[in-house]
C-alpha atoms as a PDB file:
ATOM      1  CA  MET A   1      34.548  -2.128  -3.574  1.00  0.00           C
ATOM      2  CA  ALA A   2      33.574  -2.701  -0.141  1.00  0.00           C
ATOM      3  CA  PRO A   3      32.211  -5.669   0.449  1.00  0.00           C
ATOM      4  CA  LEU A   4      28.606  -8.617  -0.182  1.00  0.00           C
ATOM      5  CA  ARG A   5      26.840  -8.016   3.261  1.00  0.00           C
ATOM      6  CA  ILE A   6      25.394 -11.744   3.366  1.00  0.00           C
ATOM      7  CA  GLY A   7      23.164 -12.791   5.713  1.00  0.00           C
ATOM      8  CA  LEU A   8      22.130 -16.546   6.853  1.00  0.00           C
ATOM      9  CA  ILE A   9      18.315 -17.810   6.544  1.00  0.00           C
ATOM     10  CA  GLY A  10      18.555 -21.461   8.942  1.00  0.00           C
ATOM     11  CA  ALA A  11      21.634 -21.999  11.161  1.00  0.00           C
ATOM     12  CA  GLY A  12      21.509 -25.644  11.376  1.00  0.00           C
ATOM     13  CA  ARG A  13      24.461 -27.651  10.379  1.00  0.00           C
ATOM     14  CA  PHE A  14      24.966 -26.808   6.982  1.00  0.00           C
ATOM     15  CA  GLY A  15      23.975 -23.156   7.725  1.00  0.00           C
ATOM     16  CA  ARG A  16      27.102 -23.436   9.726  1.00  0.00           C
ATOM     17  CA  THR A  17      29.588 -24.204   7.245  1.00  0.00           C
ATOM     18  CA  LEU A  18      28.404 -21.836   4.932  1.00  0.00           C
ATOM     19  CA  THR A  19      29.458 -19.141   7.371  1.00  0.00           C
ATOM     20  CA  GLU A  20      32.670 -20.507   8.160  1.00  0.00           C
ATOM     21  CA  VAL A  21      33.140 -21.039   4.477  1.00  0.00           C
ATOM     22  CA  ALA A  22      31.946 -17.673   3.661  1.00  0.00           C
ATOM     23  CA  ALA A  23      34.530 -15.866   6.429  1.00  0.00           C
ATOM     24  CA  THR A  24      37.495 -17.494   4.163  1.00  0.00           C
ATOM     25  CA  VAL A  25      35.833 -16.082   1.014  1.00  0.00           C
ATOM     26  CA  SER A  26      37.286 -12.277  -0.046  1.00  0.00           C
ATOM     27  CA  ASP A  27      34.448  -9.690  -0.944  1.00  0.00           C
ATOM     28  CA  LEU A  28      31.798 -11.588   1.321  1.00  0.00           C
ATOM     29  CA  LYS A  29      31.130 -10.273   4.915  1.00  0.00           C
ATOM     30  CA  VAL A  30      28.156 -12.165   7.839  1.00  0.00           C
ATOM     31  CA  THR A  31      26.441  -9.492   8.844  1.00  0.00           C
ATOM     32  CA  ALA A  32      22.895 -11.222  10.030  1.00  0.00           C
ATOM     33  CA  VAL A  33      21.930 -14.523  11.024  1.00  0.00           C
ATOM     34  CA  PHE A  34      18.228 -15.622  11.119  1.00  0.00           C
ATOM     35  CA  ASP A  35      16.889 -19.162  12.550  1.00  0.00           C
ATOM     36  CA  ALA A  36      13.015 -20.085  14.198  1.00  0.00           C
ATOM     37  CA  ALA A  37      15.675 -21.404  16.915  1.00  0.00           C
ATOM     38  CA  HIS A  38      17.106 -17.835  18.328  1.00  0.00           C
ATOM     39  CA  GLU A  39      19.755 -20.206  20.157  1.00  0.00           C
ATOM     40  CA  ARG A  40      21.040 -21.645  16.975  1.00  0.00           C
ATOM     41  CA  SER A  41      21.426 -18.144  15.802  1.00  0.00           C
ATOM     42  CA  LYS A  42      23.147 -16.670  18.621  1.00  0.00           C
ATOM     43  CA  SER A  43      25.770 -19.544  18.350  1.00  0.00           C
ATOM     44  CA  ILE A  44      26.725 -19.151  15.052  1.00  0.00           C
ATOM     45  CA  ALA A  45      26.959 -15.120  15.709  1.00  0.00           C
ATOM     46  CA  ARG A  46      29.072 -16.064  18.690  1.00  0.00           C
ATOM     47  CA  ASP A  47      31.497 -18.046  16.640  1.00  0.00           C
ATOM     48  CA  LEU A  48      31.789 -15.723  14.174  1.00  0.00           C
ATOM     49  CA  GLY A  49      33.571 -13.464  16.546  1.00  0.00           C
ATOM     50  CA  ASP A  50      31.884 -10.207  15.289  1.00  0.00           C
ATOM     51  CA  PRO A  51      29.579  -8.591  17.671  1.00  0.00           C
ATOM     52  CA  SER A  52      28.362  -6.536  14.757  1.00  0.00           C
ATOM     53  CA  VAL A  53      26.087  -9.463  13.543  1.00  0.00           C
ATOM     54  CA  ARG A  54      22.765  -8.940  14.008  1.00  0.00           C
ATOM     55  CA  ILE A  55      20.632 -11.665  15.725  1.00  0.00           C
ATOM     56  CA  CYS A  56      17.048 -11.453  14.150  1.00  0.00           C
ATOM     57  CA  HIS A  57      14.006 -12.439  15.532  1.00  0.00           C
ATOM     58  CA  GLN A  58      11.855 -11.616  12.747  1.00  0.00           C
ATOM     59  CA  LEU A  59      13.187 -12.912   9.005  1.00  0.00           C
ATOM     60  CA  GLY A  60      12.381  -8.928   8.076  1.00  0.00           C
ATOM     61  CA  GLU A  61      15.033  -7.491  10.613  1.00  0.00           C
ATOM     62  CA  MET A  62      18.422  -7.872   8.333  1.00  0.00           C
ATOM     63  CA  TRP A  63      16.781  -6.173   4.961  1.00  0.00           C
ATOM     64  CA  GLU A  64      18.565  -2.950   6.437  1.00  0.00           C
ATOM     65  CA  VAL A  65      21.810  -4.910   6.959  1.00  0.00           C
ATOM     66  CA  VAL A  66      22.860  -7.223   4.007  1.00  0.00           C
ATOM     67  CA  ASP A  67      23.060  -7.360   0.520  1.00  0.00           C
ATOM     68  CA  ALA A  68      22.319 -10.884   0.064  1.00  0.00           C
ATOM     69  CA  VAL A  69      21.242 -14.224   1.723  1.00  0.00           C
ATOM     70  CA  LEU A  70      22.492 -17.921   2.219  1.00  0.00           C
ATOM     71  CA  ILE A  71      19.215 -19.869   2.499  1.00  0.00           C
ATOM     72  CA  SER A  72      19.806 -23.097   3.903  1.00  0.00           C
ATOM     73  CA  SER A  73      15.837 -24.017   5.498  1.00  0.00           C
ATOM     74  CA  SER A  74      14.195 -26.473   5.764  1.00  0.00           C
ATOM     75  CA  HIS A  75      13.123 -27.804   1.925  1.00  0.00           C
ATOM     76  CA  ASP A  76       9.792 -26.867   2.584  1.00  0.00           C
ATOM     77  CA  GLN A  77      10.418 -22.677   3.225  1.00  0.00           C
ATOM     78  CA  HIS A  78      13.024 -22.254   0.364  1.00  0.00           C
ATOM     79  CA  VAL A  79      10.309 -20.622  -1.776  1.00  0.00           C
ATOM     80  CA  SER A  80       9.089 -18.532   0.617  1.00  0.00           C
ATOM     81  CA  ASN A  81      12.447 -17.274   2.087  1.00  0.00           C
ATOM     82  CA  VAL A  82      13.283 -16.767  -1.481  1.00  0.00           C
ATOM     83  CA  VAL A  83       9.879 -14.755  -2.977  1.00  0.00           C
ATOM     84  CA  ASP A  84      10.628 -12.306   0.798  1.00  0.00           C
ATOM     85  CA  ALA A  85      14.612 -11.705   0.087  1.00  0.00           C
ATOM     86  CA  ALA A  86      13.915 -10.940  -3.979  1.00  0.00           C
ATOM     87  CA  SER A  87      10.704  -8.745  -2.850  1.00  0.00           C
ATOM     88  CA  ALA A  88      13.101  -7.118  -0.303  1.00  0.00           C
ATOM     89  CA  GLY A  89      15.760  -6.313  -3.437  1.00  0.00           C
ATOM     90  CA  LYS A  90      18.641  -9.405  -2.298  1.00  0.00           C
ATOM     91  CA  HIS A  91      20.329 -11.218  -3.544  1.00  0.00           C
ATOM     92  CA  VAL A  92      19.747 -15.037  -3.250  1.00  0.00           C
ATOM     93  CA  PHE A  93      22.049 -18.464  -2.274  1.00  0.00           C
ATOM     94  CA  CYS A  94      19.583 -21.141  -1.920  1.00  0.00           C
ATOM     95  CA  GLU A  95      21.157 -24.385  -1.021  1.00  0.00           C
ATOM     96  CA  LYS A  96      19.627 -27.660  -2.799  1.00  0.00           C
ATOM     97  CA  PRO A  97      17.162 -28.810  -3.597  1.00  0.00           C
ATOM     98  CA  MET A  98      16.216 -25.694  -5.109  1.00  0.00           C
ATOM     99  CA  ALA A  99      12.934 -26.647  -3.781  1.00  0.00           C
ATOM    100  CA  ILE A 100      10.416 -29.577  -3.334  1.00  0.00           C
ATOM    101  CA  ASP A 101       8.885 -28.839  -6.852  1.00  0.00           C
ATOM    102  CA  VAL A 102       8.720 -27.389 -10.110  1.00  0.00           C
ATOM    103  CA  ALA A 103       6.019 -24.811  -8.997  1.00  0.00           C
ATOM    104  CA  GLU A 104       7.988 -23.714  -6.142  1.00  0.00           C
ATOM    105  CA  CYS A 105      11.148 -23.389  -8.881  1.00  0.00           C
ATOM    106  CA  GLN A 106       9.192 -21.753 -11.257  1.00  0.00           C
ATOM    107  CA  ALA A 107       7.948 -19.070  -8.511  1.00  0.00           C
ATOM    108  CA  MET A 108      11.361 -18.391  -7.059  1.00  0.00           C
ATOM    109  CA  ILE A 109      13.109 -17.846 -10.635  1.00  0.00           C
ATOM    110  CA  ASP A 110      10.090 -15.476 -11.068  1.00  0.00           C
ATOM    111  CA  ALA A 111      10.104 -13.876  -8.333  1.00  0.00           C
ATOM    112  CA  THR A 112      13.923 -13.217  -8.692  1.00  0.00           C
ATOM    113  CA  THR A 113      13.766 -11.970 -12.720  1.00  0.00           C
ATOM    114  CA  ARG A 114      10.858  -9.930 -11.282  1.00  0.00           C
ATOM    115  CA  HIS A 115      12.739  -7.793  -9.034  1.00  0.00           C
ATOM    116  CA  GLY A 116      15.966  -7.801 -10.989  1.00  0.00           C
ATOM    117  CA  VAL A 117      17.930  -9.550  -7.700  1.00  0.00           C
ATOM    118  CA  LYS A 118      20.323 -12.616  -8.762  1.00  0.00           C
ATOM    119  CA  MET A 119      19.737 -16.532  -7.382  1.00  0.00           C
ATOM    120  CA  LEU A 120      21.949 -19.289  -7.363  1.00  0.00           C
ATOM    121  CA  VAL A 121      21.487 -23.092  -6.072  1.00  0.00           C
ATOM    122  CA  GLY A 122      24.182 -24.785  -4.188  1.00  0.00           C
ATOM    123  CA  HIS A 123      24.678 -27.437  -6.164  1.00  0.00           C
ATOM    124  CA  VAL A 124      27.898 -28.170  -4.686  1.00  0.00           C
ATOM    125  CA  THR A 125      29.097 -31.359  -6.310  1.00  0.00           C
ATOM    126  CA  ARG A 126      29.777 -30.073  -9.615  1.00  0.00           C
ATOM    127  CA  LEU A 127      32.807 -28.252  -7.852  1.00  0.00           C
ATOM    128  CA  MET A 128      34.336 -30.341  -5.724  1.00  0.00           C
ATOM    129  CA  PRO A 129      37.930 -31.296  -7.388  1.00  0.00           C
ATOM    130  CA  ILE A 130      37.597 -35.387  -8.185  1.00  0.00           C
ATOM    131  CA  MET A 131      34.525 -34.072 -10.195  1.00  0.00           C
ATOM    132  CA  VAL A 132      36.245 -31.287 -12.365  1.00  0.00           C
ATOM    133  CA  ARG A 133      38.849 -33.604 -12.584  1.00  0.00           C
ATOM    134  CA  MET A 134      36.546 -36.648 -13.855  1.00  0.00           C
ATOM    135  CA  ARG A 135      35.116 -33.434 -16.224  1.00  0.00           C
ATOM    136  CA  GLU A 136      38.015 -32.828 -17.640  1.00  0.00           C
ATOM    137  CA  ILE A 137      39.244 -36.174 -18.208  1.00  0.00           C
ATOM    138  CA  LEU A 138      35.634 -36.589 -20.297  1.00  0.00           C
ATOM    139  CA  ASP A 139      36.233 -33.255 -21.806  1.00  0.00           C
ATOM    140  CA  GLY A 140      39.647 -33.896 -23.194  1.00  0.00           C
ATOM    141  CA  GLY A 141      37.916 -36.781 -24.704  1.00  0.00           C
ATOM    142  CA  LEU A 142      40.654 -39.520 -23.765  1.00  0.00           C
ATOM    143  CA  ILE A 143      37.365 -42.077 -23.351  1.00  0.00           C
ATOM    144  CA  GLY A 144      35.219 -40.587 -24.940  1.00  0.00           C
ATOM    145  CA  ARG A 145      31.874 -39.672 -24.806  1.00  0.00           C
ATOM    146  CA  PRO A 146      29.763 -41.072 -21.863  1.00  0.00           C
ATOM    147  CA  VAL A 147      27.022 -43.879 -22.926  1.00  0.00           C
ATOM    148  CA  ALA A 148      26.321 -44.746 -19.768  1.00  0.00           C
ATOM    149  CA  ILE A 149      26.606 -43.955 -15.762  1.00  0.00           C
ATOM    150  CA  GLN A 150      25.687 -46.033 -12.793  1.00  0.00           C
ATOM    151  CA  ILE A 151      25.835 -43.709  -9.767  1.00  0.00           C
ATOM    152  CA  LEU A 152      25.353 -45.738  -6.011  1.00  0.00           C
ATOM    153  CA  ARG A 153      24.786 -43.524  -2.728  1.00  0.00           C
ATOM    154  CA  ALA A 154      23.940 -45.299   0.847  1.00  0.00           C
ATOM    155  CA  ALA A 155      25.018 -44.363   3.799  1.00  0.00           C
ATOM    156  CA  TRP A 156      22.958 -44.434   7.767  1.00  0.00           C
ATOM    157  CA  MET A 157      20.940 -41.034   7.640  1.00  0.00           C
ATOM    158  CA  GLU A 158      18.764 -41.582  10.781  1.00  0.00           C
ATOM    159  CA  ARG A 159      16.085 -39.190   9.858  1.00  0.00           C
ATOM    160  CA  GLN A 160      14.380 -36.953  12.918  1.00  0.00           C
ATOM    161  CA  GLY A 161      12.488 -33.624  12.636  1.00  0.00           C
ATOM    162  CA  TRP A 162      11.603 -31.625   9.177  1.00  0.00           C
ATOM    163  CA  TRP A 163      13.662 -34.091   7.908  1.00  0.00           C
ATOM    164  CA  ALA A 164      11.643 -37.249   8.258  1.00  0.00           C
ATOM    165  CA  LYS A 165       8.298 -35.915   6.880  1.00  0.00           C
ATOM    166  CA  THR A 166       8.101 -35.522   3.530  1.00  0.00           C
ATOM    167  CA  ALA A 167       5.670 -32.042   3.426  1.00  0.00           C
ATOM    168  CA  SER A 168       8.797 -30.121   4.794  1.00  0.00           C
ATOM    169  CA  SER A 169      11.959 -32.093   3.625  1.00  0.00           C
ATOM    170  CA  GLY A 170      10.597 -33.703   0.181  1.00  0.00           C
ATOM    171  CA  GLY A 171      11.538 -37.205   0.655  1.00  0.00           C
ATOM    172  CA  MET A 172      15.153 -38.952   0.750  1.00  0.00           C
ATOM    173  CA  LEU A 173      15.813 -37.683  -2.949  1.00  0.00           C
ATOM    174  CA  HIS A 174      15.622 -34.278  -1.977  1.00  0.00           C
ATOM    175  CA  SER A 175      19.168 -34.906  -0.829  1.00  0.00           C
ATOM    176  CA  PRO A 176      21.502 -36.513  -1.823  1.00  0.00           C
ATOM    177  CA  GLY A 177      19.263 -37.144  -5.600  1.00  0.00           C
ATOM    178  CA  ALA A 178      19.153 -33.494  -5.878  1.00  0.00           C
ATOM    179  CA  HIS A 179      23.051 -33.573  -6.206  1.00  0.00           C
ATOM    180  CA  ILE A 180      23.197 -36.920  -8.019  1.00  0.00           C
ATOM    181  CA  TYR A 181      20.525 -35.825 -10.619  1.00  0.00           C
ATOM    182  CA  ASP A 182      22.262 -32.003 -11.330  1.00  0.00           C
ATOM    183  CA  LEU A 183      25.561 -34.170 -11.590  1.00  0.00           C
ATOM    184  CA  LEU A 184      24.270 -36.725 -14.430  1.00  0.00           C
ATOM    185  CA  ASN A 185      22.736 -33.659 -16.402  1.00  0.00           C
ATOM    186  CA  SER A 186      25.807 -31.967 -16.270  1.00  0.00           C
ATOM    187  CA  LEU A 187      27.189 -34.820 -18.051  1.00  0.00           C
ATOM    188  CA  LEU A 188      24.889 -36.568 -20.566  1.00  0.00           C
ATOM    189  CA  GLY A 189      22.300 -33.802 -21.736  1.00  0.00           C
ATOM    190  CA  ARG A 190      18.715 -33.708 -20.975  1.00  0.00           C
ATOM    191  CA  ALA A 191      16.250 -36.488 -19.607  1.00  0.00           C
ATOM    192  CA  VAL A 192      13.708 -37.455 -21.302  1.00  0.00           C
ATOM    193  CA  SER A 193      12.215 -40.247 -18.642  1.00  0.00           C
ATOM    194  CA  MET A 194      12.807 -41.786 -15.522  1.00  0.00           C
ATOM    195  CA  TYR A 195      11.446 -44.986 -13.797  1.00  0.00           C
ATOM    196  CA  ALA A 196      12.331 -45.716  -9.700  1.00  0.00           C
ATOM    197  CA  VAL A 197      11.509 -48.448  -7.517  1.00  0.00           C
ATOM    198  CA  ALA A 198      11.172 -48.294  -4.143  1.00  0.00           C
ATOM    199  CA  ALA A 199      12.674 -51.491  -1.588  1.00  0.00           C
ATOM    200  CA  PRO A 200       9.987 -51.888   2.039  1.00  0.00           C
ATOM    201  CA  ARG A 201      11.075 -49.085   4.591  1.00  0.00           C
ATOM    202  CA  VAL A 202      13.936 -49.634   7.014  1.00  0.00           C
ATOM    203  CA  GLN A 203      13.403 -46.327   9.126  1.00  0.00           C
ATOM    204  CA  PRO A 204       9.541 -46.303  10.955  1.00  0.00           C
ATOM    205  CA  GLN A 205       9.722 -42.608  12.323  1.00  0.00           C
ATOM    206  CA  VAL A 206       9.918 -41.406   8.462  1.00  0.00           C
ATOM    207  CA  ASP A 207       6.707 -41.095   6.207  1.00  0.00           C
ATOM    208  CA  PHE A 208       8.714 -41.443   2.520  1.00  0.00           C
ATOM    209  CA  ASP A 209      10.368 -44.643   0.664  1.00  0.00           C
ATOM    210  CA  ASP A 210      14.387 -44.726   1.996  1.00  0.00           C
ATOM    211  CA  THR A 211      15.581 -46.859  -0.322  1.00  0.00           C
ATOM    212  CA  MET A 212      15.024 -46.161  -4.281  1.00  0.00           C
ATOM    213  CA  PHE A 213      16.491 -47.092  -7.274  1.00  0.00           C
ATOM    214  CA  THR A 214      15.986 -45.333 -10.707  1.00  0.00           C
ATOM    215  CA  THR A 215      17.058 -45.590 -14.480  1.00  0.00           C
ATOM    216  CA  ILE A 216      17.124 -43.154 -16.673  1.00  0.00           C
ATOM    217  CA  THR A 217      17.242 -42.441 -20.679  1.00  0.00           C
ATOM    218  CA  TYR A 218      18.771 -39.347 -22.315  1.00  0.00           C
ATOM    219  CA  GLU A 219      17.507 -37.472 -25.448  1.00  0.00           C
ATOM    220  CA  ASN A 220      21.096 -38.725 -27.048  1.00  0.00           C
ATOM    221  CA  GLY A 221      20.544 -42.479 -26.246  1.00  0.00           C
ATOM    222  CA  ALA A 222      22.701 -42.127 -23.362  1.00  0.00           C
ATOM    223  CA  ILE A 223      21.237 -44.301 -20.069  1.00  0.00           C
ATOM    224  CA  ALA A 224      22.029 -43.574 -16.042  1.00  0.00           C
ATOM    225  CA  THR A 225      21.232 -45.249 -12.764  1.00  0.00           C
ATOM    226  CA  PHE A 226      21.104 -44.425  -9.717  1.00  0.00           C
ATOM    227  CA  GLY A 227      20.441 -46.200  -6.588  1.00  0.00           C
ATOM    228  CA  ALA A 228      19.967 -44.397  -2.959  1.00  0.00           C
ATOM    229  CA  SER A 229      19.328 -45.035   0.056  1.00  0.00           C
ATOM    230  CA  ILE A 230      19.678 -43.368   3.979  1.00  0.00           C
ATOM    231  CA  SER A 231      19.319 -46.718   5.704  1.00  0.00           C
ATOM    232  CA  GLY A 232      22.858 -48.328   4.815  1.00  0.00           C
ATOM    233  CA  GLN A 233      24.493 -49.702   7.636  1.00  0.00           C
ATOM    234  CA  THR A 234      28.187 -49.240   5.455  1.00  0.00           C
ATOM    235  CA  TRP A 235      29.157 -45.901   4.004  1.00  0.00           C
ATOM    236  CA  LEU A 236      28.612 -46.471   0.205  1.00  0.00           C
ATOM    237  CA  TYR A 237      29.390 -43.564  -2.902  1.00  0.00           C
ATOM    238  CA  GLU A 238      30.526 -44.717  -5.718  1.00  0.00           C
ATOM    239  CA  GLY A 239      29.711 -44.003  -9.770  1.00  0.00           C
ATOM    240  CA  ARG A 240      31.276 -45.607 -13.012  1.00  0.00           C
ATOM    241  CA  ILE A 241      31.208 -44.503 -16.253  1.00  0.00           C
ATOM    242  CA  ILE A 242      31.114 -46.513 -19.932  1.00  0.00           C
ATOM    243  CA  ALA A 243      32.204 -43.954 -22.251  1.00  0.00           C
ATOM    244  CA  GLU A 244      32.509 -45.330 -25.773  1.00  0.00           C
ATOM    245  CA  ARG A 245      36.879 -45.590 -26.235  1.00  0.00           C
ATOM    246  CA  GLY A 246      36.746 -46.565 -22.023  1.00  0.00           C
ATOM    247  CA  SER A 247      35.808 -46.027 -18.886  1.00  0.00           C
ATOM    248  CA  LEU A 248      36.536 -44.216 -15.221  1.00  0.00           C
ATOM    249  CA  GLN A 249      35.629 -45.143 -11.874  1.00  0.00           C
ATOM    250  CA  TYR A 250      35.731 -43.273  -8.668  1.00  0.00           C
ATOM    251  CA  ALA A 251      35.072 -43.215  -4.748  1.00  0.00           C
ATOM    252  CA  LEU A 252      34.031 -40.613  -2.458  1.00  0.00           C
ATOM    253  CA  GLU A 253      34.868 -41.936   1.028  1.00  0.00           C
ATOM    254  CA  HIS A 254      36.182 -40.592   4.556  1.00  0.00           C
ATOM    255  CA  GLU A 255      39.586 -41.597   4.235  1.00  0.00           C
ATOM    256  CA  GLY A 256      40.255 -40.283   0.540  1.00  0.00           C
ATOM    257  CA  CYS A 257      38.763 -39.953  -2.317  1.00  0.00           C
ATOM    258  CA  TRP A 258      39.818 -41.559  -5.383  1.00  0.00           C
ATOM    259  CA  LEU A 259      39.405 -42.026  -9.658  1.00  0.00           C
ATOM    260  CA  THR A 260      40.310 -44.377 -12.426  1.00  0.00           C
ATOM    261  CA  TYR A 261      40.170 -44.125 -15.876  1.00  0.00           C
ATOM    262  CA  GLN A 262      41.463 -46.240 -18.873  1.00  0.00           C
ATOM    263  CA  PRO A 263      41.101 -45.985 -22.491  1.00  0.00           C
ATOM    264  CA  ARG A 264      40.813 -49.055 -24.726  1.00  0.00           C
ATOM    265  CA  GLY A 265      44.071 -50.674 -24.566  1.00  0.00           C
ATOM    266  CA  GLY A 266      45.924 -48.791 -22.110  1.00  0.00           C
ATOM    267  CA  THR A 267      46.642 -49.314 -18.732  1.00  0.00           C
ATOM    268  CA  PRO A 268      44.734 -47.678 -16.094  1.00  0.00           C
ATOM    269  CA  THR A 269      45.183 -44.700 -13.942  1.00  0.00           C
ATOM    270  CA  ARG A 270      44.173 -43.989 -10.644  1.00  0.00           C
ATOM    271  CA  GLU A 271      44.382 -40.395  -8.809  1.00  0.00           C
ATOM    272  CA  MET A 272      43.887 -39.538  -5.492  1.00  0.00           C
ATOM    273  CA  PHE A 273      41.991 -36.804  -3.720  1.00  0.00           C
ATOM    274  CA  GLY A 274      41.083 -35.225  -0.528  1.00  0.00           C
ATOM    275  CA  THR A 275      38.731 -36.967   1.997  1.00  0.00           C
ATOM    276  CA  PHE A 276      34.995 -37.070   1.513  1.00  0.00           C
ATOM    277  CA  ASP A 277      34.418 -33.681   3.892  1.00  0.00           C
ATOM    278  CA  GLN A 278      37.619 -32.063   2.730  1.00  0.00           C
ATOM    279  CA  GLU A 279      36.107 -32.128  -1.232  1.00  0.00           C
ATOM    280  CA  GLY A 280      32.295 -30.475  -0.013  1.00  0.00           C
ATOM    281  CA  LEU A 281      34.051 -27.948   2.232  1.00  0.00           C
ATOM    282  CA  ASP A 282      36.745 -27.356  -1.145  1.00  0.00           C
ATOM    283  CA  GLY A 283      33.660 -27.157  -3.294  1.00  0.00           C
ATOM    284  CA  VAL A 284      31.429 -25.081  -0.852  1.00  0.00           C
ATOM    285  CA  ALA A 285      34.223 -22.275  -1.300  1.00  0.00           C
ATOM    286  CA  VAL A 286      33.899 -22.500  -4.991  1.00  0.00           C
ATOM    287  CA  GLU A 287      30.536 -22.503  -5.045  1.00  0.00           C
ATOM    288  CA  LEU A 288      30.378 -19.179  -2.332  1.00  0.00           C
ATOM    289  CA  ARG A 289      33.194 -17.761  -4.142  1.00  0.00           C
ATOM    290  CA  ASN A 290      31.355 -17.727  -8.162  1.00  0.00           C
ATOM    291  CA  PHE A 291      27.837 -16.150  -6.061  1.00  0.00           C
ATOM    292  CA  ALA A 292      30.459 -13.279  -4.989  1.00  0.00           C
ATOM    293  CA  ASP A 293      31.775 -13.056  -8.525  1.00  0.00           C
ATOM    294  CA  PHE A 294      28.456 -13.556 -10.094  1.00  0.00           C
ATOM    295  CA  VAL A 295      26.581 -10.274  -7.993  1.00  0.00           C
ATOM    296  CA  LEU A 296      29.460  -8.549  -7.819  1.00  0.00           C
ATOM    297  CA  HIS A 297      31.004  -8.571 -11.394  1.00  0.00           C
ATOM    298  CA  ASP A 298      28.039 -10.480 -13.314  1.00  0.00           C
ATOM    299  CA  SER A 299      30.745 -13.171 -14.022  1.00  0.00           C
ATOM    300  CA  PRO A 300      28.230 -16.212 -15.059  1.00  0.00           C
ATOM    301  CA  PRO A 301      27.052 -18.549 -12.415  1.00  0.00           C
ATOM    302  CA  PHE A 302      28.440 -22.995 -12.345  1.00  0.00           C
ATOM    303  CA  VAL A 303      24.804 -24.122 -12.406  1.00  0.00           C
ATOM    304  CA  THR A 304      21.599 -22.482 -13.745  1.00  0.00           C
ATOM    305  CA  ASN A 305      18.673 -21.883 -12.293  1.00  0.00           C
ATOM    306  CA  GLN A 306      16.646 -24.011 -14.845  1.00  0.00           C
ATOM    307  CA  ALA A 307      20.017 -26.606 -14.256  1.00  0.00           C
ATOM    308  CA  ALA A 308      18.596 -26.656 -10.175  1.00  0.00           C
ATOM    309  CA  MET A 309      14.790 -27.082 -11.500  1.00  0.00           C
ATOM    310  CA  GLU A 310      15.286 -29.755 -13.303  1.00  0.00           C
ATOM    311  CA  ALA A 311      16.917 -32.080 -10.923  1.00  0.00           C
ATOM    312  CA  VAL A 312      13.555 -31.368  -8.969  1.00  0.00           C
ATOM    313  CA  ALA A 313      12.308 -32.550 -11.795  1.00  0.00           C
ATOM    314  CA  MET A 314      13.758 -35.468 -12.288  1.00  0.00           C
ATOM    315  CA  ILE A 315      13.616 -36.626  -8.162  1.00  0.00           C
ATOM    316  CA  GLN A 316       9.371 -35.965  -9.306  1.00  0.00           C
ATOM    317  CA  ALA A 317       9.297 -38.010 -11.493  1.00  0.00           C
ATOM    318  CA  ALA A 318      10.970 -40.995 -10.000  1.00  0.00           C
ATOM    319  CA  TYR A 319       7.996 -40.391  -6.864  1.00  0.00           C
ATOM    320  CA  GLN A 320       5.995 -40.662  -9.319  1.00  0.00           C
ATOM    321  CA  SER A 321       7.472 -43.258 -10.893  1.00  0.00           C
ATOM    322  CA  VAL A 322       6.602 -45.657  -7.652  1.00  0.00           C
ATOM    323  CA  GLN A 323       3.444 -44.835  -7.030  1.00  0.00           C
ATOM    324  CA  THR A 324       2.314 -45.569 -10.272  1.00  0.00           C
ATOM    325  CA  GLY A 325       4.460 -48.290 -11.373  1.00  0.00           C
ATOM    326  CA  GLY A 326       5.452 -46.794 -15.162  1.00  0.00           C
ATOM    327  CA  VAL A 327       7.859 -44.731 -16.864  1.00  0.00           C
ATOM    328  CA  VAL A 328       7.280 -40.810 -16.422  1.00  0.00           C
ATOM    329  CA  ARG A 329       8.516 -38.441 -19.386  1.00  0.00           C
ATOM    330  CA  LEU A 330      10.204 -35.672 -18.539  1.00  0.00           C
ATOM    331  CA  PRO A 331      10.301 -32.725 -18.123  1.00  0.00           C
ATOM    332  CA  VAL A 332       7.836 -33.025 -15.371  1.00  0.00           C
ATOM    333  CA  LYS A 333       5.276 -29.990 -15.023  1.00  0.00           C
ATOM    334  CA  GLU A 334       2.920 -29.207 -12.015  1.00  0.00           C
ATOM    335  CA  ASN A 335       0.739 -26.943 -10.787  1.00  0.00           C
ATOM    336  CA  ARG A 336       1.181 -27.227  -7.234  1.00  0.00           C
ATOM    337  CA  ARG A 337      -0.065 -23.472  -5.697  1.00  0.00           C
ATOM    338  CA  VAL A 338       2.835 -20.980  -4.314  1.00  0.00           C
ATOM    339  CA  LEU A 339       3.651 -18.391  -2.408  1.00  0.00           C
END
């Protein structure tokens, strides 16, 4: 079977990562690159070492040489990129967050359904080896069903350009919050309410809150908290799970990741994993392999589009809670006009 011909839309830092990893996945071949900043497209195409890769000045120039696209553009462009690709009959891998808001997510689902193409959203955190192992421990029943989860993620991420504007990025929670809400939902089920507070802004160039704490309740009675900041001077990425018959905690660190679990009355067990960067790259390789199998062999996607949209709904709910000072019920619906 011929490889799936791939076009990259958005040749920034993570777009480069996607193409580099895609080059290692059998059944995928990058054949075109498009970015409004033409020099970035040329740089990625050059580094791929394949002179046949088409460097596109307009998005439509890639349609005749691709079967599918990898979308890594600014968040506000996801909806138009997906609609254009679907209209051209191309399958879609879209980086998270799926879109800015729920209405855009629904427009993307509608477009891919209408044109009979497949779409997968890159919620890679689920596929990091440490997270896969955590799910194995929970599914195995050793510590029982999780009833409460706390996750903290903070680092200094100075936002510039489109990342600093709500209109183009969506706000602070669109990344990394989309990862965390998707992970929480995959572990705890259906979220039913959200309450959020925001701290005074630290980074003056952004037009959104840069530190937020959120509390989520779930249909099964479980609870979760997520503290996020792009203005922390020291790296912090850790989680704790309280379960019916034990507990688990983990940390993702640049020097190496680890998790520790302990059943009630038992002794703690610690397991070590790769660095944070390697965990991410390993996860990207798995999600792109899944995308190829999803398109070529009709294998099940590792995350549904409904689940990806629910993560965006939770982000919207958090922002709404900060604005109103109250609890927001889920799911969130919005009548924003989209392309």
